[in-house]
Full PDB file with SEQRES, HELIX, SHEET, SSBOND, CRYST1, ORIGX, SCALE, CONECT and MASTER records, all heavy atoms in Angstrom:
SEQRES   1 A   31  LYS MET GLU GLY HIS LEU SER ARG ASP PRO ARG ALA LYS          
SEQRES   2 A   31  GLU ARG ARG LYS TYR GLY LEU LYS LYS ALA ARG LYS ALA          
SEQRES   3 A   31  PRO GLN TYR SER LYS                                          
CRYST1    1.000    1.000    1.000  90.00  90.00  90.00 P 1           1          
ORIGX1      1.000000  0.000000  0.000000        0.00000                         
ORIGX2      0.000000  1.000000  0.000000        0.00000                         
ORIGX3      0.000000  0.000000  1.000000        0.00000                         
SCALE1      1.000000  0.000000  0.000000        0.00000                         
SCALE2      0.000000  1.000000  0.000000        0.00000                         
SCALE3      0.000000  0.000000  1.000000        0.00000                         
ATOM      1  N   LYS A   1       8.747   9.688 -20.259  1.00  0.00           N  
ATOM      2  CA  LYS A   1       9.731   9.337 -19.200  1.00  0.00           C  
ATOM      3  C   LYS A   1       9.689  10.435 -18.119  1.00  0.00           C  
ATOM      4  O   LYS A   1       9.775  10.134 -16.909  1.00  0.00           O  
ATOM      5  CB  LYS A   1      11.113   9.286 -19.846  1.00  0.00           C  
ATOM      6  CG  LYS A   1      12.186   8.749 -18.922  1.00  0.00           C  
ATOM      7  CD  LYS A   1      12.406   7.286 -19.152  1.00  0.00           C  
ATOM      8  CE  LYS A   1      13.628   6.878 -18.372  1.00  0.00           C  
ATOM      9  NZ  LYS A   1      13.468   5.530 -17.826  1.00  0.00           N  
ATOM     10  N   MET A   2       9.596  11.691 -18.534  1.00  0.00           N  
ATOM     11  CA  MET A   2       9.575  12.802 -17.577  1.00  0.00           C  
ATOM     12  C   MET A   2       8.343  12.715 -16.686  1.00  0.00           C  
ATOM     13  O   MET A   2       8.391  13.099 -15.526  1.00  0.00           O  
ATOM     14  CB  MET A   2       9.641  14.144 -18.273  1.00  0.00           C  
ATOM     15  CG  MET A   2      10.969  14.332 -18.974  1.00  0.00           C  
ATOM     16  SD  MET A   2      11.713  15.960 -18.984  1.00  0.00           S  
ATOM     17  CE  MET A   2      10.793  16.998 -17.944  1.00  0.00           C  
ATOM     18  N   GLU A   3       7.231  12.277 -17.213  1.00  0.00           N  
ATOM     19  CA  GLU A   3       5.994  12.133 -16.454  1.00  0.00           C  
ATOM     20  C   GLU A   3       5.997  10.889 -15.601  1.00  0.00           C  
ATOM     21  O   GLU A   3       5.072  10.651 -14.801  1.00  0.00           O  
ATOM     22  CB  GLU A   3       4.760  12.174 -17.372  1.00  0.00           C  
ATOM     23  CG  GLU A   3       4.499  13.522 -17.998  1.00  0.00           C  
ATOM     24  CD  GLU A   3       4.060  14.560 -17.018  1.00  0.00           C  
ATOM     25  OE1 GLU A   3       3.299  14.236 -16.068  1.00  0.00           O  
ATOM     26  OE2 GLU A   3       4.518  15.684 -17.119  1.00  0.00           O  
ATOM     27  N   GLY A   4       6.914   9.959 -15.839  1.00  0.00           N  
ATOM     28  CA  GLY A   4       7.008   8.731 -15.055  1.00  0.00           C  
ATOM     29  C   GLY A   4       6.109   7.629 -15.526  1.00  0.00           C  
ATOM     30  O   GLY A   4       5.832   6.667 -14.806  1.00  0.00           O  
ATOM     31  N   HIS A   5       5.639   7.691 -16.762  1.00  0.00           N  
ATOM     32  CA  HIS A   5       4.721   6.682 -17.301  1.00  0.00           C  
ATOM     33  C   HIS A   5       5.432   5.378 -17.708  1.00  0.00           C  
ATOM     34  O   HIS A   5       4.803   4.331 -17.872  1.00  0.00           O  
ATOM     35  CB  HIS A   5       3.894   7.211 -18.485  1.00  0.00           C  
ATOM     36  CG  HIS A   5       3.025   8.357 -18.097  1.00  0.00           C  
ATOM     37  ND1 HIS A   5       2.231   8.349 -16.992  1.00  0.00           N  
ATOM     38  CD2 HIS A   5       2.880   9.562 -18.698  1.00  0.00           C  
ATOM     39  CE1 HIS A   5       1.557   9.501 -16.941  1.00  0.00           C  
ATOM     40  NE2 HIS A   5       1.939  10.266 -17.964  1.00  0.00           N  
ATOM     41  N   LEU A   6       6.759   5.459 -17.961  1.00  0.00           N  
ATOM     42  CA  LEU A   6       7.473   4.306 -18.446  1.00  0.00           C  
ATOM     43  C   LEU A   6       8.080   3.490 -17.300  1.00  0.00           C  
ATOM     44  O   LEU A   6       8.631   2.390 -17.507  1.00  0.00           O  
ATOM     45  CB  LEU A   6       8.605   4.733 -19.400  1.00  0.00           C  
ATOM     46  CG  LEU A   6       8.099   5.246 -20.735  1.00  0.00           C  
ATOM     47  CD1 LEU A   6       9.233   5.845 -21.533  1.00  0.00           C  
ATOM     48  CD2 LEU A   6       7.443   4.106 -21.547  1.00  0.00           C  
ATOM     49  N   SER A   7       8.073   4.020 -16.080  1.00  0.00           N  
ATOM     50  CA  SER A   7       8.658   3.321 -14.927  1.00  0.00           C  
ATOM     51  C   SER A   7       7.716   2.247 -14.438  1.00  0.00           C  
ATOM     52  O   SER A   7       6.540   2.471 -14.267  1.00  0.00           O  
ATOM     53  CB  SER A   7       8.961   4.298 -13.780  1.00  0.00           C  
ATOM     54  OG  SER A   7       9.767   5.340 -14.271  1.00  0.00           O  
ATOM     55  N   ARG A   8       8.289   1.064 -14.122  1.00  0.00           N  
ATOM     56  CA  ARG A   8       7.492   0.007 -13.526  1.00  0.00           C  
ATOM     57  C   ARG A   8       7.608   0.175 -12.005  1.00  0.00           C  
ATOM     58  O   ARG A   8       8.680   0.280 -11.464  1.00  0.00           O  
ATOM     59  CB  ARG A   8       8.020  -1.379 -13.936  1.00  0.00           C  
ATOM     60  CG  ARG A   8       7.117  -2.482 -13.409  1.00  0.00           C  
ATOM     61  CD  ARG A   8       7.826  -3.806 -13.336  1.00  0.00           C  
ATOM     62  NE  ARG A   8       6.972  -4.927 -13.003  1.00  0.00           N  
ATOM     63  CZ  ARG A   8       6.478  -5.222 -11.803  1.00  0.00           C  
ATOM     64  NH1 ARG A   8       6.782  -4.425 -10.772  1.00  0.00           N  
ATOM     65  NH2 ARG A   8       5.696  -6.254 -11.610  1.00  0.00           N  
ATOM     66  N   ASP A   9       6.473   0.172 -11.368  1.00  0.00           N  
ATOM     67  CA  ASP A   9       6.411   0.287  -9.915  1.00  0.00           C  
ATOM     68  C   ASP A   9       6.812  -1.071  -9.310  1.00  0.00           C  
ATOM     69  O   ASP A   9       6.110  -2.034  -9.494  1.00  0.00           O  
ATOM     70  CB  ASP A   9       5.032   0.685  -9.455  1.00  0.00           C  
ATOM     71  CG  ASP A   9       5.005   1.103  -7.979  1.00  0.00           C  
ATOM     72  OD1 ASP A   9       5.924   0.758  -7.250  1.00  0.00           O  
ATOM     73  OD2 ASP A   9       4.041   1.766  -7.596  1.00  0.00           O  
ATOM     74  N   PRO A  10       7.981  -1.159  -8.658  1.00  0.00           N  
ATOM     75  CA  PRO A  10       8.450  -2.486  -8.191  1.00  0.00           C  
ATOM     76  C   PRO A  10       7.805  -3.013  -6.946  1.00  0.00           C  
ATOM     77  O   PRO A  10       8.056  -4.153  -6.576  1.00  0.00           O  
ATOM     78  CB  PRO A  10       9.967  -2.215  -7.951  1.00  0.00           C  
ATOM     79  CG  PRO A  10       9.987  -0.790  -7.534  1.00  0.00           C  
ATOM     80  CD  PRO A  10       8.913  -0.096  -8.302  1.00  0.00           C  
ATOM     81  N   ARG A  11       6.963  -2.198  -6.299  1.00  0.00           N  
ATOM     82  CA  ARG A  11       6.374  -2.679  -5.031  1.00  0.00           C  
ATOM     83  C   ARG A  11       5.423  -3.831  -5.274  1.00  0.00           C  
ATOM     84  O   ARG A  11       4.616  -3.834  -6.189  1.00  0.00           O  
ATOM     85  CB  ARG A  11       5.592  -1.561  -4.350  1.00  0.00           C  
ATOM     86  CG  ARG A  11       6.500  -0.371  -3.920  1.00  0.00           C  
ATOM     87  CD  ARG A  11       5.699   0.741  -3.357  1.00  0.00           C  
ATOM     88  NE  ARG A  11       4.834   1.301  -4.381  1.00  0.00           N  
ATOM     89  CZ  ARG A  11       3.890   2.192  -4.105  1.00  0.00           C  
ATOM     90  NH1 ARG A  11       3.642   2.599  -2.879  1.00  0.00           N  
ATOM     91  NH2 ARG A  11       3.130   2.697  -5.092  1.00  0.00           N  
ATOM     92  N   ALA A  12       5.557  -4.832  -4.424  1.00  0.00           N  
ATOM     93  CA  ALA A  12       4.682  -6.054  -4.539  1.00  0.00           C  
ATOM     94  C   ALA A  12       4.491  -6.585  -3.149  1.00  0.00           C  
ATOM     95  O   ALA A  12       5.232  -6.200  -2.212  1.00  0.00           O  
ATOM     96  CB  ALA A  12       5.269  -7.053  -5.489  1.00  0.00           C  
ATOM     97  N   LYS A  13       3.566  -7.499  -3.003  1.00  0.00           N  
ATOM     98  CA  LYS A  13       3.319  -8.124  -1.722  1.00  0.00           C  
ATOM     99  C   LYS A  13       4.563  -8.968  -1.294  1.00  0.00           C  
ATOM    100  O   LYS A  13       5.070  -9.761  -2.072  1.00  0.00           O  
ATOM    101  CB  LYS A  13       2.088  -9.024  -1.771  1.00  0.00           C  
ATOM    102  CG  LYS A  13       1.644  -9.526  -0.454  1.00  0.00           C  
ATOM    103  CD  LYS A  13       0.321 -10.256  -0.593  1.00  0.00           C  
ATOM    104  CE  LYS A  13      -0.067 -10.950   0.712  1.00  0.00           C  
ATOM    105  NZ  LYS A  13      -0.921 -10.118   1.535  1.00  0.00           N  
ATOM    106  N   GLU A  14       4.952  -8.767  -0.040  1.00  0.00           N  
ATOM    107  CA  GLU A  14       6.081  -9.512   0.500  1.00  0.00           C  
ATOM    108  C   GLU A  14       5.690 -10.941   0.829  1.00  0.00           C  
ATOM    109  O   GLU A  14       4.581 -11.216   1.258  1.00  0.00           O  
ATOM    110  CB  GLU A  14       6.571  -8.795   1.763  1.00  0.00           C  
ATOM    111  CG  GLU A  14       7.877  -9.310   2.316  1.00  0.00           C  
ATOM    112  CD  GLU A  14       8.353  -8.488   3.506  1.00  0.00           C  
ATOM    113  OE1 GLU A  14       7.910  -7.323   3.674  1.00  0.00           O  
ATOM    114  OE2 GLU A  14       9.222  -8.998   4.239  1.00  0.00           O  
ATOM    115  N   ARG A  15       6.572 -11.859   0.566  1.00  0.00           N  
ATOM    116  CA  ARG A  15       6.275 -13.267   0.767  1.00  0.00           C  
ATOM    117  C   ARG A  15       6.192 -13.608   2.234  1.00  0.00           C  
ATOM    118  O   ARG A  15       6.800 -12.998   3.066  1.00  0.00           O  
ATOM    119  CB  ARG A  15       7.252 -14.177   0.072  1.00  0.00           C  
ATOM    120  CG  ARG A  15       8.584 -14.372   0.758  1.00  0.00           C  
ATOM    121  CD  ARG A  15       9.395 -15.455   0.125  1.00  0.00           C  
ATOM    122  NE  ARG A  15      10.529 -15.904   0.973  1.00  0.00           N  
ATOM    123  CZ  ARG A  15      10.407 -16.792   1.935  1.00  0.00           C  
ATOM    124  NH1 ARG A  15       9.303 -17.388   2.186  1.00  0.00           N  
ATOM    125  NH2 ARG A  15      11.473 -17.119   2.636  1.00  0.00           N  
ATOM    126  N   ARG A  16       5.411 -14.624   2.560  1.00  0.00           N  
ATOM    127  CA  ARG A  16       5.275 -15.102   3.962  1.00  0.00           C  
ATOM    128  C   ARG A  16       6.461 -15.955   4.336  1.00  0.00           C  
ATOM    129  O   ARG A  16       6.917 -16.811   3.568  1.00  0.00           O  
ATOM    130  CB  ARG A  16       3.984 -15.940   4.054  1.00  0.00           C  
ATOM    131  CG  ARG A  16       3.720 -16.445   5.458  1.00  0.00           C  
ATOM    132  CD  ARG A  16       2.504 -17.325   5.494  1.00  0.00           C  
ATOM    133  NE  ARG A  16       2.393 -17.994   6.798  1.00  0.00           N  
ATOM    134  CZ  ARG A  16       2.957 -19.139   7.113  1.00  0.00           C  
ATOM    135  NH1 ARG A  16       3.718 -19.757   6.211  1.00  0.00           N  
ATOM    136  NH2 ARG A  16       2.842 -19.608   8.295  1.00  0.00           N  
ATOM    137  N   LYS A  17       6.989 -15.720   5.572  1.00  0.00           N  
ATOM    138  CA  LYS A  17       8.136 -16.485   6.060  1.00  0.00           C  
ATOM    139  C   LYS A  17       7.635 -17.547   7.004  1.00  0.00           C  
ATOM    140  O   LYS A  17       6.652 -17.393   7.719  1.00  0.00           O  
ATOM    141  CB  LYS A  17       9.112 -15.599   6.815  1.00  0.00           C  
ATOM    142  CG  LYS A  17      10.023 -14.744   5.911  1.00  0.00           C  
ATOM    143  CD  LYS A  17       9.296 -13.639   5.365  1.00  0.00           C  
ATOM    144  CE  LYS A  17      10.176 -12.612   4.674  1.00  0.00           C  
ATOM    145  NZ  LYS A  17       9.382 -11.464   4.276  1.00  0.00           N  
ATOM    146  N   TYR A  18       8.340 -18.669   7.053  1.00  0.00           N  
ATOM    147  CA  TYR A  18       7.950 -19.789   7.943  1.00  0.00           C  
ATOM    148  C   TYR A  18       8.096 -19.348   9.384  1.00  0.00           C  
ATOM    149  O   TYR A  18       8.972 -18.532   9.732  1.00  0.00           O  
ATOM    150  CB  TYR A  18       8.789 -21.022   7.680  1.00  0.00           C  
ATOM    151  CG  TYR A  18      10.261 -20.807   7.802  1.00  0.00           C  
ATOM    152  CD1 TYR A  18      10.890 -20.973   9.051  1.00  0.00           C  
ATOM    153  CD2 TYR A  18      11.053 -20.459   6.738  1.00  0.00           C  
ATOM    154  CE1 TYR A  18      12.255 -20.762   9.216  1.00  0.00           C  
ATOM    155  CE2 TYR A  18      12.402 -20.257   6.910  1.00  0.00           C  
ATOM    156  CZ  TYR A  18      13.008 -20.439   8.152  1.00  0.00           C  
ATOM    157  OH  TYR A  18      14.351 -20.240   8.298  1.00  0.00           O  
ATOM    158  N   GLY A  19       7.211 -19.854  10.232  1.00  0.00           N  
ATOM    159  CA  GLY A  19       7.244 -19.483  11.658  1.00  0.00           C  
ATOM    160  C   GLY A  19       6.471 -18.215  11.936  1.00  0.00           C  
ATOM    161  O   GLY A  19       6.283 -17.869  13.113  1.00  0.00           O  
ATOM    162  N   LEU A  20       6.035 -17.485  10.917  1.00  0.00           N  
ATOM    163  CA  LEU A  20       5.266 -16.277  11.075  1.00  0.00           C  
ATOM    164  C   LEU A  20       3.869 -16.488  10.508  1.00  0.00           C  
ATOM    165  O   LEU A  20       3.639 -17.312   9.662  1.00  0.00           O  
ATOM    166  CB  LEU A  20       5.957 -15.079  10.377  1.00  0.00           C  
ATOM    167  CG  LEU A  20       7.378 -14.744  10.775  1.00  0.00           C  
ATOM    168  CD1 LEU A  20       7.872 -13.521  10.041  1.00  0.00           C  
ATOM    169  CD2 LEU A  20       7.458 -14.508  12.302  1.00  0.00           C  
ATOM    170  N   LYS A  21       2.929 -15.651  10.997  1.00  0.00           N  
ATOM    171  CA  LYS A  21       1.540 -15.736  10.538  1.00  0.00           C  
ATOM    172  C   LYS A  21       1.352 -15.089   9.163  1.00  0.00           C  
ATOM    173  O   LYS A  21       0.601 -15.562   8.318  1.00  0.00           O  
ATOM    174  CB  LYS A  21       0.611 -15.102  11.548  1.00  0.00           C  
ATOM    175  CG  LYS A  21       0.550 -15.886  12.871  1.00  0.00           C  
ATOM    176  CD  LYS A  21      -0.437 -15.272  13.791  1.00  0.00           C  
ATOM    177  CE  LYS A  21      -0.541 -16.020  15.115  1.00  0.00           C  
ATOM    178  NZ  LYS A  21      -1.139 -17.314  14.985  1.00  0.00           N  
ATOM    179  N   LYS A  22       2.031 -13.929   8.943  1.00  0.00           N  
ATOM    180  CA  LYS A  22       2.056 -13.224   7.670  1.00  0.00           C  
ATOM    181  C   LYS A  22       3.479 -12.933   7.347  1.00  0.00           C  
ATOM    182  O   LYS A  22       4.396 -13.539   7.907  1.00  0.00           O  
ATOM    183  CB  LYS A  22       1.164 -12.002   7.731  1.00  0.00           C  
ATOM    184  CG  LYS A  22      -0.282 -12.336   7.914  1.00  0.00           C  
ATOM    185  CD  LYS A  22      -1.288 -11.189   7.910  1.00  0.00           C  
ATOM    186  CE  LYS A  22      -0.868  -9.825   7.905  1.00  0.00           C  
ATOM    187  NZ  LYS A  22      -1.943  -8.838   8.031  1.00  0.00           N  
ATOM    188  N   ALA A  23       3.746 -11.965   6.471  1.00  0.00           N  
ATOM    189  CA  ALA A  23       5.118 -11.645   6.094  1.00  0.00           C  
ATOM    190  C   ALA A  23       5.968 -11.244   7.257  1.00  0.00           C  
ATOM    191  O   ALA A  23       7.122 -11.657   7.397  1.00  0.00           O  
ATOM    192  CB  ALA A  23       5.134 -10.595   5.025  1.00  0.00           C  
ATOM    193  N   ARG A  24       5.399 -10.463   8.164  1.00  0.00           N  
ATOM    194  CA  ARG A  24       6.171  -9.986   9.334  1.00  0.00           C  
ATOM    195  C   ARG A  24       5.471 -10.190  10.669  1.00  0.00           C  
ATOM    196  O   ARG A  24       6.073  -9.974  11.718  1.00  0.00           O  
ATOM    197  CB  ARG A  24       6.488  -8.505   9.178  1.00  0.00           C  
ATOM    198  CG  ARG A  24       7.363  -8.237   7.920  1.00  0.00           C  
ATOM    199  CD  ARG A  24       7.773  -6.819   7.849  1.00  0.00           C  
ATOM    200  NE  ARG A  24       8.519  -6.625   6.619  1.00  0.00           N  
ATOM    201  CZ  ARG A  24       9.317  -5.592   6.403  1.00  0.00           C  
ATOM    202  NH1 ARG A  24       9.453  -4.664   7.326  1.00  0.00           N  
ATOM    203  NH2 ARG A  24       9.945  -5.458   5.277  1.00  0.00           N  
ATOM    204  N   LYS A  25       4.242 -10.623  10.661  1.00  0.00           N  
ATOM    205  CA  LYS A  25       3.469 -10.768  11.894  1.00  0.00           C  
ATOM    206  C   LYS A  25       3.821 -12.065  12.614  1.00  0.00           C  
ATOM    207  O   LYS A  25       3.597 -13.139  12.034  1.00  0.00           O  
ATOM    208  CB  LYS A  25       1.961 -10.729  11.602  1.00  0.00           C  
ATOM    209  CG  LYS A  25       1.124 -10.828  12.860  1.00  0.00           C  
ATOM    210  CD  LYS A  25      -0.356 -10.795  12.524  1.00  0.00           C  
ATOM    211  CE  LYS A  25      -1.165 -11.205  13.702  1.00  0.00           C  
ATOM    212  NZ  LYS A  25      -1.978 -10.251  14.253  1.00  0.00           N  
ATOM    213  N   ALA A  26       4.383 -11.957  13.793  1.00  0.00           N  
ATOM    214  CA  ALA A  26       4.808 -13.146  14.531  1.00  0.00           C  
ATOM    215  C   ALA A  26       3.705 -13.588  15.485  1.00  0.00           C  
ATOM    216  O   ALA A  26       2.829 -12.752  15.855  1.00  0.00           O  
ATOM    217  CB  ALA A  26       6.055 -12.821  15.344  1.00  0.00           C  
ATOM    218  N   PRO A  27       3.696 -14.835  15.890  1.00  0.00           N  
ATOM    219  CA  PRO A  27       2.715 -15.266  16.911  1.00  0.00           C  
ATOM    220  C   PRO A  27       2.937 -14.493  18.195  1.00  0.00           C  
ATOM    221  O   PRO A  27       4.075 -14.064  18.448  1.00  0.00           O  
ATOM    222  CB  PRO A  27       3.015 -16.738  17.100  1.00  0.00           C  
ATOM    223  CG  PRO A  27       3.914 -17.154  15.999  1.00  0.00           C  
ATOM    224  CD  PRO A  27       4.566 -15.943  15.453  1.00  0.00           C  
ATOM    225  N   GLN A  28       1.904 -14.435  19.025  1.00  0.00           N  
ATOM    226  CA  GLN A  28       2.023 -13.663  20.294  1.00  0.00           C  
ATOM    227  C   GLN A  28       3.033 -14.399  21.184  1.00  0.00           C  
ATOM    228  O   GLN A  28       3.009 -15.570  21.354  1.00  0.00           O  
ATOM    229  CB  GLN A  28       0.654 -13.610  20.955  1.00  0.00           C  
ATOM    230  CG  GLN A  28       0.663 -12.732  22.206  1.00  0.00           C  
ATOM    231  CD  GLN A  28      -0.730 -12.572  22.764  1.00  0.00           C  
ATOM    232  OE1 GLN A  28      -1.626 -13.249  22.362  1.00  0.00           O  
ATOM    233  NE2 GLN A  28      -0.862 -11.614  23.659  1.00  0.00           N  
ATOM    234  N   TYR A  29       3.908 -13.574  21.808  1.00  0.00           N  
ATOM    235  CA  TYR A  29       4.920 -14.101  22.704  1.00  0.00           C  
ATOM    236  C   TYR A  29       4.299 -14.461  24.062  1.00  0.00           C  
ATOM    237  O   TYR A  29       3.496 -13.726  24.611  1.00  0.00           O  
ATOM    238  CB  TYR A  29       6.006 -13.033  22.894  1.00  0.00           C  
ATOM    239  CG  TYR A  29       7.023 -13.459  23.933  1.00  0.00           C  
ATOM    240  CD1 TYR A  29       7.964 -14.434  23.677  1.00  0.00           C  
ATOM    241  CD2 TYR A  29       7.037 -12.825  25.187  1.00  0.00           C  
ATOM    242  CE1 TYR A  29       8.885 -14.795  24.653  1.00  0.00           C  
ATOM    243  CE2 TYR A  29       7.958 -13.188  26.145  1.00  0.00           C  
ATOM    244  CZ  TYR A  29       8.870 -14.166  25.864  1.00  0.00           C  
ATOM    245  OH  TYR A  29       9.798 -14.564  26.827  1.00  0.00           O  
ATOM    246  N   SER A  30       4.641 -15.613  24.559  1.00  0.00           N  
ATOM    247  CA  SER A  30       4.142 -16.061  25.883  1.00  0.00           C  
ATOM    248  C   SER A  30       5.329 -16.363  26.750  1.00  0.00           C  
ATOM    249  O   SER A  30       6.212 -17.206  26.414  1.00  0.00           O  
ATOM    250  CB  SER A  30       3.284 -17.284  25.710  1.00  0.00           C  
ATOM    251  OG  SER A  30       2.963 -17.789  27.003  1.00  0.00           O  
ATOM    252  N   LYS A  31       5.444 -15.695  27.890  1.00  0.00           N  
ATOM    253  CA  LYS A  31       6.585 -15.873  28.787  1.00  0.00           C  
ATOM    254  C   LYS A  31       6.445 -17.215  29.543  1.00  0.00           C  
ATOM    255  O   LYS A  31       7.434 -17.880  29.842  1.00  0.00           O  
ATOM    256  CB  LYS A  31       6.663 -14.734  29.738  1.00  0.00           C  
ATOM    257  CG  LYS A  31       7.933 -14.653  30.538  1.00  0.00           C  
ATOM    258  CD  LYS A  31       8.018 -13.362  31.287  1.00  0.00           C  
ATOM    259  CE  LYS A  31       9.367 -13.223  31.946  1.00  0.00           C  
ATOM    260  NZ  LYS A  31       9.490 -11.953  32.691  1.00  0.00           N  
TER     261      LYS A  31                                                      
MASTER        0    0    0    0    0    0    0    6  260    1    0    3          
END                                                                             
């Protein structure tokens, strides 16, 4: 436990949201 071997690393790939190309990448804005 002191060395951190029992901890689960919670980081994982973020899910893709609708309207976006990837999890946070939005389409290019056009005025």
